[in-house]
Protein backbone atom coordinates (compact mmCIF):
# COMPACT_ATOMS: atom_id res chain seq x y z
CA MET A 1 36.91 -41.26 107.13
CA ALA A 2 35.56 -37.80 107.84
CA LYS A 3 33.40 -37.53 110.93
CA ASN A 4 30.43 -35.18 111.26
CA ALA A 5 30.85 -33.72 107.77
CA VAL A 6 28.67 -32.43 104.96
CA MET A 7 29.75 -33.26 101.42
CA ALA A 8 29.10 -31.00 98.43
CA ASP A 9 29.60 -32.08 94.82
CA CYS A 10 30.37 -28.77 93.13
CA ASP A 11 31.21 -30.30 89.75
CA VAL A 12 27.72 -29.43 88.51
CA ASP A 13 28.54 -29.80 84.80
CA THR A 14 29.61 -33.43 85.20
CA PRO A 15 28.71 -34.55 88.75
CA ASN A 16 29.99 -38.00 89.71
CA LEU A 17 30.12 -38.21 93.50
CA HIS A 18 26.71 -39.89 93.47
CA LEU A 19 28.24 -42.85 91.61
CA LEU A 20 30.17 -43.79 94.76
CA LEU A 21 27.94 -42.54 97.58
CA ARG A 22 24.60 -43.72 96.16
CA PRO A 23 22.61 -40.84 97.68
CA LYS A 24 18.95 -41.03 98.57
CA ILE A 25 17.43 -37.70 97.56
CA MET A 26 15.56 -36.09 100.44
CA GLU A 27 14.94 -32.59 99.07
CA THR A 28 14.85 -31.04 95.60
CA HIS A 29 15.02 -27.29 95.00
CA ALA A 30 14.62 -25.66 91.60
CA PHE A 31 17.57 -23.52 90.52
CA TYR A 32 16.82 -20.39 88.52
CA GLY A 33 19.65 -19.20 86.28
CA MET A 34 19.70 -16.19 84.01
CA ASP A 35 16.52 -14.69 82.58
CA LYS A 36 15.54 -15.52 79.00
CA ALA A 37 13.63 -13.43 76.48
CA LYS A 38 10.01 -14.21 75.70
CA ILE A 39 8.10 -12.48 72.89
CA ASP A 40 4.36 -11.90 73.14
CA LEU A 41 3.41 -12.36 69.48
CA GLU A 42 -0.03 -10.84 70.05
CA ARG A 43 1.56 -7.54 71.12
CA CYS A 44 4.39 -7.71 68.57
CA ASN A 45 4.14 -5.28 65.61
CA GLU A 46 6.86 -7.18 63.68
CA CYS A 47 9.32 -4.29 63.56
CA TYR A 48 12.15 -6.84 63.84
CA ASN A 49 14.25 -4.48 65.98
CA CYS A 50 14.81 -7.37 68.37
CA GLN A 51 16.12 -9.74 65.71
CA ASN A 52 18.35 -7.06 64.17
CA SER A 53 19.79 -6.12 67.59
CA CYS A 54 20.46 -9.63 68.87
CA ASN A 55 24.17 -10.44 68.71
CA PHE A 56 23.55 -14.12 69.41
CA ASP A 57 21.14 -14.91 66.53
CA ALA A 58 18.67 -16.13 69.13
CA ILE A 59 15.56 -14.77 67.37
CA ASP A 60 14.47 -16.36 64.11
CA GLU A 61 12.45 -14.97 61.20
CA HIS A 62 9.24 -16.05 62.92
CA LEU A 63 10.25 -14.02 66.02
CA ILE A 64 10.66 -17.16 68.09
CA VAL A 65 13.41 -17.07 70.71
CA ASN A 66 15.87 -19.96 70.72
CA GLN A 67 16.27 -20.53 74.47
CA HIS A 68 19.63 -22.27 74.01
CA LYS A 69 21.11 -19.32 72.10
CA CYS A 70 19.62 -16.55 74.24
CA GLU A 71 22.24 -15.11 76.61
CA GLY A 72 19.75 -13.09 78.66
CA CYS A 73 21.35 -9.73 77.85
CA GLY A 74 17.96 -8.00 77.55
CA VAL A 75 18.78 -5.83 74.52
CA CYS A 76 15.69 -7.13 72.68
CA GLU A 77 13.46 -5.98 75.51
CA TYR A 78 15.18 -2.58 75.45
CA VAL A 79 14.66 -1.96 71.71
CA CYS A 80 11.10 -3.32 71.51
CA GLU A 81 8.72 -0.57 70.35
CA ASN A 82 5.57 -2.25 71.62
CA ASP A 83 6.58 -3.64 75.01
CA ALA A 84 6.11 -7.14 73.60
CA ILE A 85 9.25 -8.70 75.09
CA LYS A 86 9.83 -9.64 78.71
CA MET A 87 12.80 -11.28 80.37
CA VAL A 88 11.44 -14.36 82.11
CA THR A 89 13.06 -16.32 84.91
CA LYS A 90 13.82 -19.85 83.78
CA ILE A 91 14.56 -23.03 85.71
CA SER A 92 18.11 -24.03 84.80
CA GLY A 93 18.61 -27.04 87.05
CA ASN A 94 18.03 -28.52 90.49
CA VAL A 95 19.83 -28.62 93.84
CA PHE A 96 19.48 -31.80 95.87
CA ARG A 97 19.93 -32.63 99.53
CA SER A 98 20.59 -36.34 99.93
CA ALA A 99 21.34 -38.88 102.63
CA THR A 100 24.27 -41.27 102.24
CA ASN A 101 26.01 -43.82 104.44
CA HIS A 102 28.71 -41.21 104.99
CA GLY A 103 26.50 -38.27 105.91
CA THR A 104 24.58 -35.51 104.18
CA MET A 105 25.42 -34.74 100.57
CA VAL A 106 24.43 -31.67 98.56
CA HIS A 107 24.65 -31.95 94.79
CA ALA A 108 23.06 -30.51 91.67
CA GLU A 109 22.05 -31.12 88.11
CA LEU A 110 22.52 -28.42 85.47
CA GLY A 111 20.09 -28.34 82.57
CA ILE A 112 21.22 -29.16 79.03
CA GLY A 113 22.79 -26.17 77.31
CA GLU A 114 22.76 -24.00 80.45
CA GLU A 115 25.75 -21.73 81.05
CA VAL A 116 25.35 -20.72 84.69
CA SER A 117 27.44 -23.43 86.34
CA GLY A 118 29.31 -20.93 88.53
CA LYS A 119 26.03 -19.60 89.90
CA LEU A 120 24.77 -23.14 90.51
CA VAL A 121 27.99 -24.01 92.38
CA SER A 122 27.33 -21.02 94.64
CA ALA A 123 23.81 -22.34 95.27
CA VAL A 124 25.21 -25.78 96.19
CA LYS A 125 27.71 -24.22 98.58
CA GLU A 126 25.13 -21.92 100.15
CA ARG A 127 22.81 -24.87 100.79
CA SER A 128 25.58 -27.10 102.15
CA ARG A 129 26.84 -24.37 104.49
CA SER A 130 23.33 -23.79 105.75
CA ILE A 131 22.90 -27.51 106.47
CA ALA A 132 26.31 -27.73 108.17
CA LEU A 133 25.57 -24.81 110.47
CA GLU A 134 22.05 -26.05 111.19
CA ASN A 135 23.27 -29.54 112.13
CA GLU A 136 26.45 -28.30 113.82
CA ASN A 137 28.73 -30.24 111.47
CA ASP A 138 32.43 -29.73 111.95
CA LEU A 139 33.50 -30.03 108.33
CA LEU A 140 32.30 -29.17 104.84
CA ILE A 141 34.05 -31.09 102.06
CA THR A 142 33.54 -29.77 98.53
CA ASP A 143 34.45 -31.72 95.42
CA SER A 144 35.60 -29.13 92.88
CA PRO A 145 35.37 -29.28 89.11
CA PRO A 146 38.70 -29.32 87.23
CA GLY A 147 40.40 -26.25 85.78
CA THR A 148 40.39 -22.64 86.95
CA GLY A 149 37.13 -21.27 85.53
CA CYS A 150 34.16 -19.66 87.27
CA PRO A 151 32.90 -22.94 88.84
CA VAL A 152 36.31 -23.46 90.49
CA LEU A 153 36.41 -19.89 91.77
CA ALA A 154 32.93 -20.33 93.20
CA THR A 155 34.00 -23.61 94.83
CA ILE A 156 37.13 -22.37 96.59
CA THR A 157 35.59 -19.15 97.88
CA GLY A 158 35.65 -19.26 101.68
CA ALA A 159 37.59 -22.54 101.90
CA HIS A 160 40.09 -22.98 104.72
CA LEU A 161 42.16 -25.53 102.83
CA ALA A 162 42.50 -26.71 99.23
CA LEU A 163 43.71 -30.24 98.47
CA ILE A 164 44.90 -30.09 94.86
CA VAL A 165 45.02 -33.51 93.18
CA THR A 166 47.31 -33.63 90.15
CA GLU A 167 48.83 -36.26 87.89
CA PRO A 168 52.37 -36.55 86.47
CA SER A 169 51.36 -35.49 82.95
CA LEU A 170 52.13 -32.25 81.13
CA SER A 171 48.50 -31.14 81.33
CA GLY A 172 48.33 -32.09 85.01
CA MET A 173 51.47 -30.11 85.79
CA HIS A 174 50.17 -27.11 83.87
CA ASP A 175 46.81 -27.17 85.64
CA LEU A 176 48.51 -27.55 89.03
CA GLU A 177 50.44 -24.34 88.47
CA ARG A 178 47.28 -22.48 87.43
CA VAL A 179 45.23 -23.70 90.40
CA LEU A 180 48.02 -22.76 92.80
CA GLN A 181 48.00 -19.26 91.32
CA VAL A 182 44.29 -19.07 92.14
CA THR A 183 44.66 -20.32 95.72
CA GLU A 184 47.59 -17.95 96.29
CA HIS A 185 45.56 -15.04 94.93
CA PHE A 186 42.72 -15.78 97.35
CA GLU A 187 45.15 -16.60 100.17
CA ILE A 188 43.81 -20.12 100.64
CA PRO A 189 46.28 -22.63 102.11
CA ALA A 190 46.92 -25.49 99.70
CA ILE A 191 48.51 -28.92 99.79
CA VAL A 192 49.10 -31.27 96.86
CA CYS A 193 48.48 -34.94 96.15
CA ILE A 194 50.11 -36.65 93.14
CA ASN A 195 47.70 -39.28 91.88
CA LYS A 196 49.09 -42.21 89.86
CA TYR A 197 52.58 -40.90 90.59
CA ASP A 198 54.21 -44.10 89.34
CA ILE A 199 53.04 -43.78 85.72
CA ASN A 200 55.78 -41.15 85.20
CA GLU A 201 58.11 -40.87 88.16
CA ASN A 202 60.32 -38.28 86.43
CA ASN A 203 57.37 -35.92 86.14
CA SER A 204 56.38 -36.72 89.73
CA ARG A 205 59.82 -35.62 90.88
CA THR A 206 59.41 -32.44 88.82
CA ILE A 207 56.11 -31.74 90.59
CA GLU A 208 57.73 -32.33 93.99
CA ALA A 209 60.56 -29.93 93.14
CA PHE A 210 58.06 -27.35 91.88
CA CYS A 211 56.08 -27.57 95.13
CA HIS A 212 59.23 -27.49 97.27
CA GLU A 213 60.34 -24.24 95.60
CA ARG A 214 57.00 -22.67 96.53
CA ASN A 215 56.86 -24.14 100.03
CA ILE A 216 53.81 -26.24 99.12
CA GLU A 217 53.54 -29.59 100.87
CA VAL A 218 53.12 -32.74 98.78
CA ALA A 219 50.85 -34.43 101.28
CA GLY A 220 50.48 -37.70 99.39
CA LYS A 221 51.64 -39.78 96.43
CA LEU A 222 49.10 -42.36 95.33
CA PRO A 223 50.04 -45.22 92.98
CA TYR A 224 48.07 -46.42 90.01
CA TYR A 225 46.06 -49.39 91.20
CA PRO A 226 43.37 -51.49 89.47
CA SER A 227 41.08 -51.37 92.50
CA THR A 228 40.06 -47.84 91.53
CA ASN A 229 38.07 -49.02 88.50
CA LEU A 230 36.83 -52.11 90.31
CA ALA A 231 35.52 -50.02 93.21
CA MET A 232 33.71 -47.70 90.81
CA MET A 233 32.10 -50.68 89.10
CA GLU A 234 30.85 -51.80 92.52
CA GLU A 235 29.62 -48.24 93.27
CA THR A 236 31.67 -47.95 96.43
CA THR A 237 34.71 -46.10 97.71
CA ILE A 238 38.23 -47.48 97.48
CA ILE A 239 38.48 -47.56 101.27
CA GLU A 240 35.38 -49.74 101.53
CA TYR A 241 36.24 -51.93 98.56
CA SER A 242 39.57 -53.38 99.74
CA GLN A 243 42.61 -52.86 101.92
CA ASN A 244 45.67 -52.31 99.75
CA VAL A 245 48.51 -49.88 99.16
CA LEU A 246 46.15 -47.37 97.53
CA SER A 247 43.55 -47.37 100.29
CA GLU A 248 46.28 -47.07 102.91
CA GLY A 249 47.75 -44.15 100.99
CA ILE A 250 44.39 -42.41 100.95
CA LYS A 251 44.04 -42.91 104.71
CA ALA A 252 47.49 -41.41 105.26
CA LEU A 253 46.59 -38.48 102.98
CA TRP A 254 43.43 -37.83 104.96
CA GLY A 255 45.52 -37.78 108.12
CA ARG A 256 47.62 -35.00 106.62
CA VAL A 257 44.47 -33.10 105.63
CA VAL A 258 43.12 -33.29 109.18
CA SER A 259 46.48 -32.14 110.52
CA GLU A 260 46.48 -29.12 108.22
CA LEU A 261 42.92 -28.21 109.15
CA ASP A 262 43.83 -28.40 112.83
CA LYS A 263 46.52 -25.78 112.20
CA GLU A 264 44.01 -23.27 110.96
CA GLU A 265 42.92 -20.83 113.64
CA GLU A 266 39.66 -19.57 112.20
CA ALA A 267 37.02 -17.63 114.06
CA THR A 268 34.27 -19.87 112.71
CA ALA A 269 33.58 -23.33 114.07
CA LEU A 270 33.02 -24.72 110.57
CA ASN A 271 36.02 -25.81 108.55
CA GLU A 272 35.68 -26.03 104.81
CA MET A 273 38.01 -27.80 102.44
CA MET A 274 38.06 -28.03 98.67
CA ILE A 275 39.27 -31.05 96.70
């Protein structure tokens, strides 16, 4: 539905946008996370200062560094008597630029056991912004990870609008309140969509009342519908899969998103929204 847009999948821990958009990877860029310790055993005098100083038990009795436990703090390098330890830059994942039937997509893959997802999200956003400006795209759509942790903060930074998708469950209501606190703190306009509103209409009404009290628009209420799973099995979007009450609701929701973006009077020509 979006025209002239770049899409960024910022859920780097568990990316899933590729399941629907079937991207063809055009570029791959190595992502370097935090440095890791490396011990030169030929220079090492086996003083064991490094092992005794490591708070993460990342160095074993053979003075081998466990790369999954190492937090890159550098204390081992600092206490080494023989200059046998260096902090080495390590590849922690990859950033991809891909072509899809809906436009350019930027996504990433974080390595197993890596803990720099917030930094990788920033790399995805930096690359997607660069592409959008280079190609004169009008819109950058970022798919955010759930929650309110570092990856979410990295995702919403610089956004002109946040579309917060919640569900009428206790956990969904709790997370909605937390995410709204984040968007309010960063002064990012936000609107809300209640997904599967009909599985608990009492809770949906509670969400609507909560948003009304805070002057937050509930831009859409989407019903539970079997076509969601069926579309995923066919590796396509709901809009492309079939015309039904859910797909029509999504189209109406997108209309509200476009309307909200049009209200924003930003100096830049590039609008960015976070979902």
